[in-house]
Amino acid sequence: RYLEEAERSWSTELRIEGMYVAEAGAGDLWIDTADERLALAER
């Protein structure tokens, strides 16, 4: 169930190995990577 829910909310840009999304809205740089999500799904 959690895998299915993750699939529904998983953004396109974080599904491909090597891709990332960076945010810096309030001054704190934060970077999310596709690799981390892919590794957890595989586990």
PDB file of all heavy atoms in Angstrom:
ATOM      1  N   ARG A   1       0.838  -1.213   0.000  1.00  0.00           N
ATOM      2  CA  ARG A   1       0.000   0.000   0.000  1.00  0.00           C
ATOM      3  C   ARG A   1       0.866   1.253   0.000  1.00  0.00           C
ATOM      4  O   ARG A   1       0.599   2.201  -0.756  1.00  0.00           O
ATOM      5  CB  ARG A   1      -0.936  -0.015   1.209  1.00  0.00           C
ATOM      6  CG  ARG A   1      -1.754   1.261   1.387  1.00  0.00           C
ATOM      7  CD  ARG A   1      -2.884   1.040   2.393  1.00  0.00           C
ATOM      8  NE  ARG A   1      -2.370   0.552   3.663  1.00  0.00           N
ATOM      9  CZ  ARG A   1      -1.917   1.333   4.653  1.00  0.00           C
ATOM     10  NH1 ARG A   1      -1.887   2.655   4.477  1.00  0.00           N
ATOM     11  NH2 ARG A   1      -1.503   0.813   5.790  1.00  0.00           N
ATOM     12  N   TYR A   2       1.903   1.268   0.831  1.00  0.00           N
ATOM     13  CA  TYR A   2       2.775   2.443   0.883  1.00  0.00           C
ATOM     14  C   TYR A   2       3.527   2.637  -0.438  1.00  0.00           C
ATOM     15  O   TYR A   2       3.728   3.773  -0.886  1.00  0.00           O
ATOM     16  CB  TYR A   2       3.766   2.328   2.037  1.00  0.00           C
ATOM     17  CG  TYR A   2       3.133   2.454   3.404  1.00  0.00           C
ATOM     18  CD1 TYR A   2       3.483   1.573   4.432  1.00  0.00           C
ATOM     19  CD2 TYR A   2       2.191   3.447   3.682  1.00  0.00           C
ATOM     20  CE1 TYR A   2       2.914   1.680   5.694  1.00  0.00           C
ATOM     21  CE2 TYR A   2       1.614   3.560   4.935  1.00  0.00           C
ATOM     22  CZ  TYR A   2       1.975   2.671   5.946  1.00  0.00           C
ATOM     23  OH  TYR A   2       1.413   2.786   7.188  1.00  0.00           O
ATOM     24  N   LEU A   3       3.912   1.542  -1.067  1.00  0.00           N
ATOM     25  CA  LEU A   3       4.562   1.655  -2.371  1.00  0.00           C
ATOM     26  C   LEU A   3       3.617   2.257  -3.408  1.00  0.00           C
ATOM     27  O   LEU A   3       4.007   3.110  -4.204  1.00  0.00           O
ATOM     28  CB  LEU A   3       5.046   0.276  -2.846  1.00  0.00           C
ATOM     29  CG  LEU A   3       6.435  -0.181  -2.392  1.00  0.00           C
ATOM     30  CD1 LEU A   3       6.694  -1.611  -2.846  1.00  0.00           C
ATOM     31  CD2 LEU A   3       7.521   0.749  -2.944  1.00  0.00           C
ATOM     32  N   GLU A   4       2.365   1.796  -3.393  1.00  0.00           N
ATOM     33  CA  GLU A   4       1.373   2.330  -4.331  1.00  0.00           C
ATOM     34  C   GLU A   4       1.127   3.815  -4.078  1.00  0.00           C
ATOM     35  O   GLU A   4       1.022   4.611  -5.021  1.00  0.00           O
ATOM     36  CB  GLU A   4       0.060   1.546  -4.205  1.00  0.00           C
ATOM     37  CG  GLU A   4       0.151   0.127  -4.756  1.00  0.00           C
ATOM     38  CD  GLU A   4      -1.080  -0.705  -4.448  1.00  0.00           C
ATOM     39  OE1 GLU A   4      -2.022  -0.149  -3.817  1.00  0.00           O
ATOM     40  OE2 GLU A   4      -1.112  -1.901  -4.820  1.00  0.00           O
ATOM     41  N   GLU A   5       1.040   4.202  -2.798  1.00  0.00           N
ATOM     42  CA  GLU A   5       0.830   5.615  -2.462  1.00  0.00           C
ATOM     43  C   GLU A   5       2.032   6.461  -2.900  1.00  0.00           C
ATOM     44  O   GLU A   5       1.862   7.595  -3.384  1.00  0.00           O
ATOM     45  CB  GLU A   5       0.598   5.765  -0.957  1.00  0.00           C
ATOM     46  CG  GLU A   5      -0.752   5.211  -0.502  1.00  0.00           C
ATOM     47  CD  GLU A   5      -0.910   5.243   1.011  1.00  0.00           C
ATOM     48  OE1 GLU A   5       0.076   5.579   1.705  1.00  0.00           O
ATOM     49  OE2 GLU A   5      -2.022   4.929   1.493  1.00  0.00           O
ATOM     50  N   ALA A   6       3.227   5.901  -2.713  1.00  0.00           N
ATOM     51  CA  ALA A   6       4.437   6.609  -3.144  1.00  0.00           C
ATOM     52  C   ALA A   6       4.436   6.809  -4.651  1.00  0.00           C
ATOM     53  O   ALA A   6       4.791   7.887  -5.152  1.00  0.00           O
ATOM     54  CB  ALA A   6       5.680   5.844  -2.709  1.00  0.00           C
ATOM     55  N   GLU A   7       4.013   5.800  -5.378  1.00  0.00           N
ATOM     56  CA  GLU A   7       3.957   5.891  -6.840  1.00  0.00           C
ATOM     57  C   GLU A   7       3.035   7.019  -7.290  1.00  0.00           C
ATOM     58  O   GLU A   7       3.328   7.742  -8.237  1.00  0.00           O
ATOM     59  CB  GLU A   7       3.485   4.558  -7.435  1.00  0.00           C
ATOM     60  CG  GLU A   7       4.539   3.470  -7.484  1.00  0.00           C
ATOM     61  CD  GLU A   7       5.611   3.757  -8.520  1.00  0.00           C
ATOM     62  OE1 GLU A   7       5.383   4.567  -9.439  1.00  0.00           O
ATOM     63  OE2 GLU A   7       6.695   3.163  -8.399  1.00  0.00           O
ATOM     64  N   ARG A   8       1.925   7.186  -6.584  1.00  0.00           N
ATOM     65  CA  ARG A   8       0.940   8.203  -6.984  1.00  0.00           C
ATOM     66  C   ARG A   8       1.451   9.621  -6.743  1.00  0.00           C
ATOM     67  O   ARG A   8       1.056  10.548  -7.460  1.00  0.00           O
ATOM     68  CB  ARG A   8      -0.378   7.971  -6.237  1.00  0.00           C
ATOM     69  CG  ARG A   8      -1.157   6.746  -6.708  1.00  0.00           C
ATOM     70  CD  ARG A   8      -2.603   6.810  -6.253  1.00  0.00           C
ATOM     71  NE  ARG A   8      -2.734   6.688  -4.804  1.00  0.00           N
ATOM     72  CZ  ARG A   8      -2.861   5.538  -4.167  1.00  0.00           C
ATOM     73  NH1 ARG A   8      -2.868   4.393  -4.845  1.00  0.00           N
ATOM     74  NH2 ARG A   8      -3.000   5.511  -2.858  1.00  0.00           N
ATOM     75  N   SER A   9       2.309   9.798  -5.726  1.00  0.00           N
ATOM     76  CA  SER A   9       2.784  11.154  -5.411  1.00  0.00           C
ATOM     77  C   SER A   9       4.185  11.438  -5.955  1.00  0.00           C
ATOM     78  O   SER A   9       4.687  12.553  -5.837  1.00  0.00           O
ATOM     79  CB  SER A   9       2.787  11.357  -3.891  1.00  0.00           C
ATOM     80  OG  SER A   9       3.686  10.455  -3.255  1.00  0.00           O
ATOM     81  N   TRP A  10       4.799  10.456  -6.585  1.00  0.00           N
ATOM     82  CA  TRP A  10       6.197  10.552  -7.028  1.00  0.00           C
ATOM     83  C   TRP A  10       6.293  11.484  -8.235  1.00  0.00           C
ATOM     84  O   TRP A  10       5.727  11.215  -9.295  1.00  0.00           O
ATOM     85  CB  TRP A  10       6.684   9.157  -7.398  1.00  0.00           C
ATOM     86  CG  TRP A  10       8.161   8.961  -7.393  1.00  0.00           C
ATOM     87  CD1 TRP A  10       9.124   9.877  -7.658  1.00  0.00           C
ATOM     88  CD2 TRP A  10       8.851   7.736  -7.100  1.00  0.00           C
ATOM     89  NE1 TRP A  10      10.375   9.313  -7.558  1.00  0.00           N
ATOM     90  CE2 TRP A  10      10.233   8.001  -7.213  1.00  0.00           C
ATOM     91  CE3 TRP A  10       8.443   6.448  -6.772  1.00  0.00           C
ATOM     92  CZ2 TRP A  10      11.206   7.012  -7.009  1.00  0.00           C
ATOM     93  CZ3 TRP A  10       9.401   5.459  -6.560  1.00  0.00           C
ATOM     94  CH2 TRP A  10      10.764   5.748  -6.679  1.00  0.00           C
ATOM     95  N   SER A  11       7.021  12.573  -8.095  1.00  0.00           N
ATOM     96  CA  SER A  11       7.138  13.551  -9.183  1.00  0.00           C
ATOM     97  C   SER A  11       7.984  13.003 -10.332  1.00  0.00           C
ATOM     98  O   SER A  11       8.916  12.228 -10.117  1.00  0.00           O
ATOM     99  CB  SER A  11       7.757  14.856  -8.670  1.00  0.00           C
ATOM    100  OG  SER A  11       9.070  14.633  -8.216  1.00  0.00           O
ATOM    101  N   THR A  12       7.671  13.440 -11.539  1.00  0.00           N
ATOM    102  CA  THR A  12       8.357  12.955 -12.737  1.00  0.00           C
ATOM    103  C   THR A  12       9.857  13.221 -12.686  1.00  0.00           C
ATOM    104  O   THR A  12      10.671  12.361 -13.036  1.00  0.00           O
ATOM    105  CB  THR A  12       7.767  13.625 -13.992  1.00  0.00           C
ATOM    106  OG1 THR A  12       6.368  13.371 -14.033  1.00  0.00           O
ATOM    107  CG2 THR A  12       8.416  13.091 -15.259  1.00  0.00           C
ATOM    108  N   GLU A  13      10.246  14.422 -12.228  1.00  0.00           N
ATOM    109  CA  GLU A  13      11.663  14.802 -12.248  1.00  0.00           C
ATOM    110  C   GLU A  13      12.519  14.027 -11.248  1.00  0.00           C
ATOM    111  O   GLU A  13      13.750  14.061 -11.319  1.00  0.00           O
ATOM    112  CB  GLU A  13      11.830  16.308 -12.028  1.00  0.00           C
ATOM    113  CG  GLU A  13      11.267  16.842 -10.736  1.00  0.00           C
ATOM    114  CD  GLU A  13       9.854  17.371 -10.874  1.00  0.00           C
ATOM    115  OE1 GLU A  13       9.002  16.634 -11.390  1.00  0.00           O
ATOM    116  OE2 GLU A  13       9.624  18.517 -10.448  1.00  0.00           O
ATOM    117  N   LEU A  14      11.874  13.321 -10.297  1.00  0.00           N
ATOM    118  CA  LEU A  14      12.642  12.530  -9.327  1.00  0.00           C
ATOM    119  C   LEU A  14      12.455  11.030  -9.540  1.00  0.00           C
ATOM    120  O   LEU A  14      12.636  10.235  -8.621  1.00  0.00           O
ATOM    121  CB  LEU A  14      12.249  12.927  -7.897  1.00  0.00           C
ATOM    122  CG  LEU A  14      12.723  14.323  -7.463  1.00  0.00           C
ATOM    123  CD1 LEU A  14      12.204  14.664  -6.079  1.00  0.00           C
ATOM    124  CD2 LEU A  14      14.245  14.421  -7.501  1.00  0.00           C
ATOM    125  N   ARG A  15      12.131  10.652 -10.778  1.00  0.00           N
ATOM    126  CA  ARG A  15      11.991   9.232 -11.105  1.00  0.00           C
ATOM    127  C   ARG A  15      13.175   8.694 -11.902  1.00  0.00           C
ATOM    128  O   ARG A  15      13.293   7.487 -12.073  1.00  0.00           O
ATOM    129  CB  ARG A  15      10.714   9.008 -11.924  1.00  0.00           C
ATOM    130  CG  ARG A  15       9.444   9.081 -11.120  1.00  0.00           C
ATOM    131  CD  ARG A  15       8.230   8.863 -12.002  1.00  0.00           C
ATOM    132  NE  ARG A  15       7.005   8.812 -11.234  1.00  0.00           N
ATOM    133  CZ  ARG A  15       6.465   7.708 -10.717  1.00  0.00           C
ATOM    134  NH1 ARG A  15       7.063   6.555 -10.895  1.00  0.00           N
ATOM    135  NH2 ARG A  15       5.343   7.759 -10.042  1.00  0.00           N
ATOM    136  N   ILE A  16      14.014   9.584 -12.405  1.00  0.00           N
ATOM    137  CA  ILE A  16      15.094   9.169 -13.299  1.00  0.00           C
ATOM    138  C   ILE A  16      16.426   9.262 -12.576  1.00  0.00           C
ATOM    139  O   ILE A  16      16.748  10.299 -11.967  1.00  0.00           O
ATOM    140  CB  ILE A  16      15.119  10.052 -14.562  1.00  0.00           C
ATOM    141  CG1 ILE A  16      13.774   9.974 -15.277  1.00  0.00           C
ATOM    142  CG2 ILE A  16      16.253   9.640 -15.501  1.00  0.00           C
ATOM    143  CD1 ILE A  16      13.595  11.005 -16.372  1.00  0.00           C
ATOM    144  N   GLU A  17      17.217   8.195 -12.627  1.00  0.00           N
ATOM    145  CA  GLU A  17      18.504   8.154 -11.940  1.00  0.00           C
ATOM    146  C   GLU A  17      19.353   9.372 -12.301  1.00  0.00           C
ATOM    147  O   GLU A  17      19.465   9.764 -13.459  1.00  0.00           O
ATOM    148  CB  GLU A  17      19.249   6.871 -12.341  1.00  0.00           C
ATOM    149  CG  GLU A  17      20.542   6.642 -11.578  1.00  0.00           C
ATOM    150  CD  GLU A  17      21.186   5.328 -11.952  1.00  0.00           C
ATOM    151  OE1 GLU A  17      20.543   4.508 -12.656  1.00  0.00           O
ATOM    152  OE2 GLU A  17      22.344   5.119 -11.549  1.00  0.00           O
ATOM    153  N   GLY A  18      19.924  10.000 -11.268  1.00  0.00           N
ATOM    154  CA  GLY A  18      20.792  11.149 -11.461  1.00  0.00           C
ATOM    155  C   GLY A  18      20.078  12.489 -11.429  1.00  0.00           C
ATOM    156  O   GLY A  18      20.725  13.538 -11.344  1.00  0.00           O
ATOM    157  N   MET A  19      18.757  12.482 -11.479  1.00  0.00           N
ATOM    158  CA  MET A  19      18.005  13.739 -11.464  1.00  0.00           C
ATOM    159  C   MET A  19      17.900  14.274 -10.040  1.00  0.00           C
ATOM    160  O   MET A  19      17.987  13.523  -9.072  1.00  0.00           O
ATOM    161  CB  MET A  19      16.612  13.547 -12.052  1.00  0.00           C
ATOM    162  CG  MET A  19      16.622  13.149 -13.517  1.00  0.00           C
ATOM    163  SD  MET A  19      17.308  14.443 -14.584  1.00  0.00           S
ATOM    164  CE  MET A  19      15.963  15.621 -14.575  1.00  0.00           C
ATOM    165  N   TYR A  20      17.683  15.591  -9.921  1.00  0.00           N
ATOM    166  CA  TYR A  20      17.548  16.203  -8.603  1.00  0.00           C
ATOM    167  C   TYR A  20      16.665  17.434  -8.689  1.00  0.00           C
ATOM    168  O   TYR A  20      16.438  17.993  -9.767  1.00  0.00           O
ATOM    169  CB  TYR A  20      18.919  16.577  -8.028  1.00  0.00           C
ATOM    170  CG  TYR A  20      19.551  17.799  -8.662  1.00  0.00           C
ATOM    171  CD1 TYR A  20      19.434  19.063  -8.068  1.00  0.00           C
ATOM    172  CD2 TYR A  20      20.269  17.709  -9.862  1.00  0.00           C
ATOM    173  CE1 TYR A  20      20.000  20.181  -8.646  1.00  0.00           C
ATOM    174  CE2 TYR A  20      20.837  18.835 -10.441  1.00  0.00           C
ATOM    175  CZ  TYR A  20      20.709  20.068  -9.824  1.00  0.00           C
ATOM    176  OH  TYR A  20      21.268  21.184 -10.402  1.00  0.00           O
ATOM    177  N   VAL A  21      16.169  17.862  -7.536  1.00  0.00           N
ATOM    178  CA  VAL A  21      15.402  19.104  -7.410  1.00  0.00           C
ATOM    179  C   VAL A  21      15.981  19.870  -6.231  1.00  0.00           C
ATOM    180  O   VAL A  21      16.077  19.330  -5.122  1.00  0.00           O
ATOM    181  CB  VAL A  21      13.903  18.827  -7.176  1.00  0.00           C
ATOM    182  CG1 VAL A  21      13.165  20.129  -6.856  1.00  0.00           C
ATOM    183  CG2 VAL A  21      13.282  18.143  -8.380  1.00  0.00           C
ATOM    184  N   ALA A  22      16.373  21.119  -6.464  1.00  0.00           N
ATOM    185  CA  ALA A  22      16.920  21.970  -5.399  1.00  0.00           C
ATOM    186  C   ALA A  22      15.909  23.052  -5.047  1.00  0.00           C
ATOM    187  O   ALA A  22      15.205  23.556  -5.912  1.00  0.00           O
ATOM    188  CB  ALA A  22      18.237  22.597  -5.839  1.00  0.00           C
ATOM    189  N   GLU A  23      15.854  23.382  -3.749  1.00  0.00           N
ATOM    190  CA  GLU A  23      14.986  24.442  -3.261  1.00  0.00           C
ATOM    191  C   GLU A  23      15.814  25.404  -2.423  1.00  0.00           C
ATOM    192  O   GLU A  23      16.758  24.991  -1.754  1.00  0.00           O
ATOM    193  CB  GLU A  23      13.859  23.881  -2.394  1.00  0.00           C
ATOM    194  CG  GLU A  23      12.943  22.906  -3.091  1.00  0.00           C
ATOM    195  CD  GLU A  23      11.930  22.303  -2.132  1.00  0.00           C
ATOM    196  OE1 GLU A  23      11.669  22.933  -1.081  1.00  0.00           O
ATOM    197  OE2 GLU A  23      11.443  21.200  -2.415  1.00  0.00           O
ATOM    198  N   ALA A  24      15.436  26.685  -2.451  1.00  0.00           N
ATOM    199  CA  ALA A  24      16.130  27.670  -1.620  1.00  0.00           C
ATOM    200  C   ALA A  24      15.191  28.806  -1.266  1.00  0.00           C
ATOM    201  O   ALA A  24      15.594  29.957  -1.176  1.00  0.00           O
ATOM    202  CB  ALA A  24      17.364  28.200  -2.335  1.00  0.00           C
ATOM    203  N   GLY A  25      13.929  28.473  -1.037  1.00  0.00           N
ATOM    204  CA  GLY A  25      12.922  29.500  -0.853  1.00  0.00           C
ATOM    205  C   GLY A  25      13.169  30.437   0.307  1.00  0.00           C
ATOM    206  O   GLY A  25      13.028  31.639   0.190  1.00  0.00           O
ATOM    207  N   ALA A  26      13.510  29.899   1.480  1.00  0.00           N
ATOM    208  CA  ALA A  26      13.679  30.741   2.671  1.00  0.00           C
ATOM    209  C   ALA A  26      15.138  30.936   3.035  1.00  0.00           C
ATOM    210  O   ALA A  26      15.456  31.363   4.135  1.00  0.00           O
ATOM    211  CB  ALA A  26      12.912  30.135   3.839  1.00  0.00           C
ATOM    212  N   GLY A  27      16.030  30.619   2.119  1.00  0.00           N
ATOM    213  CA  GLY A  27      17.448  30.835   2.382  1.00  0.00           C
ATOM    214  C   GLY A  27      18.218  29.582   2.705  1.00  0.00           C
ATOM    215  O   GLY A  27      19.443  29.597   2.787  1.00  0.00           O
ATOM    216  N   ASP A  28      17.520  28.469   2.911  1.00  0.00           N
ATOM    217  CA  ASP A  28      18.176  27.210   3.244  1.00  0.00           C
ATOM    218  C   ASP A  28      18.180  26.306   2.017  1.00  0.00           C
ATOM    219  O   ASP A  28      17.132  25.814   1.596  1.00  0.00           O
ATOM    220  CB  ASP A  28      17.440  26.507   4.390  1.00  0.00           C
ATOM    221  CG  ASP A  28      17.346  27.370   5.630  1.00  0.00           C
ATOM    222  OD1 ASP A  28      18.325  28.055   5.926  1.00  0.00           O
ATOM    223  OD2 ASP A  28      16.297  27.362   6.285  1.00  0.00           O
ATOM    224  N   LEU A  29      19.348  26.077   1.455  1.00  0.00           N
ATOM    225  CA  LEU A  29      19.449  25.200   0.294  1.00  0.00           C
ATOM    226  C   LEU A  29      19.127  23.769   0.704  1.00  0.00           C
ATOM    227  O   LEU A  29      19.640  23.263   1.705  1.00  0.00           O
ATOM    228  CB  LEU A  29      20.856  25.271  -0.297  1.00  0.00           C
ATOM    229  CG  LEU A  29      21.117  24.398  -1.535  1.00  0.00           C
ATOM    230  CD1 LEU A  29      20.210  24.799  -2.694  1.00  0.00           C
ATOM    231  CD2 LEU A  29      22.585  24.500  -1.948  1.00  0.00           C
ATOM    232  N   TRP A  30      18.283  23.129  -0.071  1.00  0.00           N
ATOM    233  CA  TRP A  30      17.917  21.730   0.168  1.00  0.00           C
ATOM    234  C   TRP A  30      17.837  21.045  -1.179  1.00  0.00           C
ATOM    235  O   TRP A  30      17.240  21.593  -2.119  1.00  0.00           O
ATOM    236  CB  TRP A  30      16.583  21.610   0.887  1.00  0.00           C
ATOM    237  CG  TRP A  30      16.209  20.185   1.199  1.00  0.00           C
ATOM    238  CD1 TRP A  30      15.492  19.340   0.420  1.00  0.00           C
ATOM    239  CD2 TRP A  30      16.570  19.448   2.374  1.00  0.00           C
ATOM    240  NE1 TRP A  30      15.360  18.114   1.026  1.00  0.00           N
ATOM    241  CE2 TRP A  30      16.018  18.158   2.227  1.00  0.00           C
ATOM    242  CE3 TRP A  30      17.295  19.753   3.519  1.00  0.00           C
ATOM    243  CZ2 TRP A  30      16.179  17.163   3.200  1.00  0.00           C
ATOM    244  CZ3 TRP A  30      17.453  18.767   4.485  1.00  0.00           C
ATOM    245  CH2 TRP A  30      16.898  17.491   4.325  1.00  0.00           C
ATOM    246  N   ILE A  31      18.434  19.848  -1.291  1.00  0.00           N
ATOM    247  CA  ILE A  31      18.458  19.143  -2.573  1.00  0.00           C
ATOM    248  C   ILE A  31      17.911  17.736  -2.390  1.00  0.00           C
ATOM    249  O   ILE A  31      18.411  16.959  -1.563  1.00  0.00           O
ATOM    250  CB  ILE A  31      19.895  19.092  -3.144  1.00  0.00           C
ATOM    251  CG1 ILE A  31      20.433  20.519  -3.333  1.00  0.00           C
ATOM    252  CG2 ILE A  31      19.900  18.339  -4.484  1.00  0.00           C
ATOM    253  CD1 ILE A  31      21.872  20.581  -3.805  1.00  0.00           C
ATOM    254  N   ASP A  32      16.866  17.421  -3.139  1.00  0.00           N
ATOM    255  CA  ASP A  32      16.296  16.075  -3.167  1.00  0.00           C
ATOM    256  C   ASP A  32      16.774  15.362  -4.426  1.00  0.00           C
ATOM    257  O   ASP A  32      16.815  15.972  -5.509  1.00  0.00           O
ATOM    258  CB  ASP A  32      14.770  16.132  -3.169  1.00  0.00           C
ATOM    259  CG  ASP A  32      14.193  16.398  -1.792  1.00  0.00           C
ATOM    260  OD1 ASP A  32      14.703  15.824  -0.816  1.00  0.00           O
ATOM    261  OD2 ASP A  32      13.227  17.178  -1.695  1.00  0.00           O
ATOM    262  N   THR A  33      17.109  14.080  -4.306  1.00  0.00           N
ATOM    263  CA  THR A  33      17.600  13.327  -5.458  1.00  0.00           C
ATOM    264  C   THR A  33      16.693  12.154  -5.794  1.00  0.00           C
ATOM    265  O   THR A  33      16.051  11.560  -4.916  1.00  0.00           O
ATOM    266  CB  THR A  33      19.022  12.787  -5.197  1.00  0.00           C
ATOM    267  OG1 THR A  33      18.974  11.775  -4.187  1.00  0.00           O
ATOM    268  CG2 THR A  33      19.959  13.911  -4.773  1.00  0.00           C
ATOM    269  N   ALA A  34      16.669  11.824  -7.070  1.00  0.00           N
ATOM    270  CA  ALA A  34      15.934  10.638  -7.516  1.00  0.00           C
ATOM    271  C   ALA A  34      16.602   9.374  -6.977  1.00  0.00           C
ATOM    272  O   ALA A  34      15.914   8.406  -6.618  1.00  0.00           O
ATOM    273  CB  ALA A  34      15.888  10.600  -9.038  1.00  0.00           C
ATOM    274  N   ASP A  35      17.925   9.368  -6.893  1.00  0.00           N
ATOM    275  CA  ASP A  35      18.650   8.157  -6.498  1.00  0.00           C
ATOM    276  C   ASP A  35      18.218   7.662  -5.120  1.00  0.00           C
ATOM    277  O   ASP A  35      18.083   6.450  -4.889  1.00  0.00           O
ATOM    278  CB  ASP A  35      20.157   8.409  -6.504  1.00  0.00           C
ATOM    279  CG  ASP A  35      20.698   8.631  -7.903  1.00  0.00           C
ATOM    280  OD1 ASP A  35      19.904   8.591  -8.869  1.00  0.00           O
ATOM    281  OD2 ASP A  35      21.909   8.855  -8.046  1.00  0.00           O
ATOM    282  N   GLU A  36      18.001   8.596  -4.193  1.00  0.00           N
ATOM    283  CA  GLU A  36      17.600   8.195  -2.843  1.00  0.00           C
ATOM    284  C   GLU A  36      16.239   7.516  -2.857  1.00  0.00           C
ATOM    285  O   GLU A  36      16.031   6.489  -2.205  1.00  0.00           O
ATOM    286  CB  GLU A  36      17.570   9.429  -1.935  1.00  0.00           C
ATOM    287  CG  GLU A  36      17.357   9.110  -0.473  1.00  0.00           C
ATOM    288  CD  GLU A  36      17.456  10.338   0.411  1.00  0.00           C
ATOM    289  OE1 GLU A  36      17.237  11.465  -0.089  1.00  0.00           O
ATOM    290  OE2 GLU A  36      17.744  10.172   1.610  1.00  0.00           O
ATOM    291  N   ARG A  37      15.322   8.046  -3.629  1.00  0.00           N
ATOM    292  CA  ARG A  37      13.990   7.455  -3.717  1.00  0.00           C
ATOM    293  C   ARG A  37      14.022   6.098  -4.418  1.00  0.00           C
ATOM    294  O   ARG A  37      13.368   5.155  -3.983  1.00  0.00           O
ATOM    295  CB  ARG A  37      13.056   8.425  -4.459  1.00  0.00           C
ATOM    296  CG  ARG A  37      12.654   9.603  -3.596  1.00  0.00           C
ATOM    297  CD  ARG A  37      12.359  10.859  -4.394  1.00  0.00           C
ATOM    298  NE  ARG A  37      12.021  11.968  -3.500  1.00  0.00           N
ATOM    299  CZ  ARG A  37      12.901  12.601  -2.726  1.00  0.00           C
ATOM    300  NH1 ARG A  37      14.187  12.264  -2.754  1.00  0.00           N
ATOM    301  NH2 ARG A  37      12.521  13.573  -1.913  1.00  0.00           N
ATOM    302  N   LEU A  38      14.791   6.016  -5.482  1.00  0.00           N
ATOM    303  CA  LEU A  38      14.898   4.748  -6.207  1.00  0.00           C
ATOM    304  C   LEU A  38      15.497   3.657  -5.319  1.00  0.00           C
ATOM    305  O   LEU A  38      15.070   2.499  -5.355  1.00  0.00           O
ATOM    306  CB  LEU A  38      15.745   4.938  -7.462  1.00  0.00           C
ATOM    307  CG  LEU A  38      15.110   5.827  -8.545  1.00  0.00           C
ATOM    308  CD1 LEU A  38      16.149   6.210  -9.606  1.00  0.00           C
ATOM    309  CD2 LEU A  38      13.915   5.132  -9.190  1.00  0.00           C
ATOM    310  N   ALA A  39      16.486   4.025  -4.499  1.00  0.00           N
ATOM    311  CA  ALA A  39      17.130   3.048  -3.613  1.00  0.00           C
ATOM    312  C   ALA A  39      16.157   2.535  -2.553  1.00  0.00           C
ATOM    313  O   ALA A  39      16.131   1.330  -2.241  1.00  0.00           O
ATOM    314  CB  ALA A  39      18.362   3.664  -2.949  1.00  0.00           C
ATOM    315  N   LEU A  40      15.342   3.432  -1.997  1.00  0.00           N
ATOM    316  CA  LEU A  40      14.363   3.010  -0.991  1.00  0.00           C
ATOM    317  C   LEU A  40      13.291   2.114  -1.608  1.00  0.00           C
ATOM    318  O   LEU A  40      12.884   1.109  -1.005  1.00  0.00           O
ATOM    319  CB  LEU A  40      13.717   4.235  -0.352  1.00  0.00           C
ATOM    320  CG  LEU A  40      14.562   4.988   0.677  1.00  0.00           C
ATOM    321  CD1 LEU A  40      13.944   6.347   0.981  1.00  0.00           C
ATOM    322  CD2 LEU A  40      14.709   4.171   1.966  1.00  0.00           C
ATOM    323  N   ALA A  41      12.840   2.470  -2.806  1.00  0.00           N
ATOM    324  CA  ALA A  41      11.840   1.643  -3.478  1.00  0.00           C
ATOM    325  C   ALA A  41      12.392   0.252  -3.767  1.00  0.00           C
ATOM    326  O   ALA A  41      11.707  -0.761  -3.561  1.00  0.00           O
ATOM    327  CB  ALA A  41      11.391   2.316  -4.777  1.00  0.00           C
ATOM    328  N   GLU A  42      13.644   0.189  -4.216  1.00  0.00           N
ATOM    329  CA  GLU A  42      14.276  -1.105  -4.486  1.00  0.00           C
ATOM    330  C   GLU A  42      14.432  -1.924  -3.216  1.00  0.00           C
ATOM    331  O   GLU A  42      14.234  -3.142  -3.216  1.00  0.00           O
ATOM    332  CB  GLU A  42      15.637  -0.881  -5.159  1.00  0.00           C
ATOM    333  CG  GLU A  42      16.366  -2.155  -5.548  1.00  0.00           C
ATOM    334  CD  GLU A  42      15.603  -3.013  -6.551  1.00  0.00           C
ATOM    335  OE1 GLU A  42      14.711  -2.494  -7.248  1.00  0.00           O
ATOM    336  OE2 GLU A  42      15.910  -4.225  -6.623  1.00  0.00           O
ATOM    337  N   ARG A  43      14.776  -1.259  -2.122  1.00  0.00           N
ATOM    338  CA  ARG A  43      14.918  -1.968  -0.840  1.00  0.00           C
ATOM    339  C   ARG A  43      13.591  -2.595  -0.434  1.00  0.00           C
ATOM    340  O   ARG A  43      13.547  -3.760   0.004  1.00  0.00           O
ATOM    341  CB  ARG A  43      15.391  -0.988   0.237  1.00  0.00           C
ATOM    342  CG  ARG A  43      15.514  -1.591   1.630  1.00  0.00           C
ATOM    343  CD  ARG A  43      16.208  -0.640   2.589  1.00  0.00           C
ATOM    344  NE  ARG A  43      16.269  -1.193   3.934  1.00  0.00           N
ATOM    345  CZ  ARG A  43      17.011  -0.690   4.915  1.00  0.00           C
ATOM    346  NH1 ARG A  43      17.762   0.390   4.690  1.00  0.00           N
ATOM    347  NH2 ARG A  43      17.018  -1.246   6.125  1.00  0.00           N
TER     348      ARG A  43
END
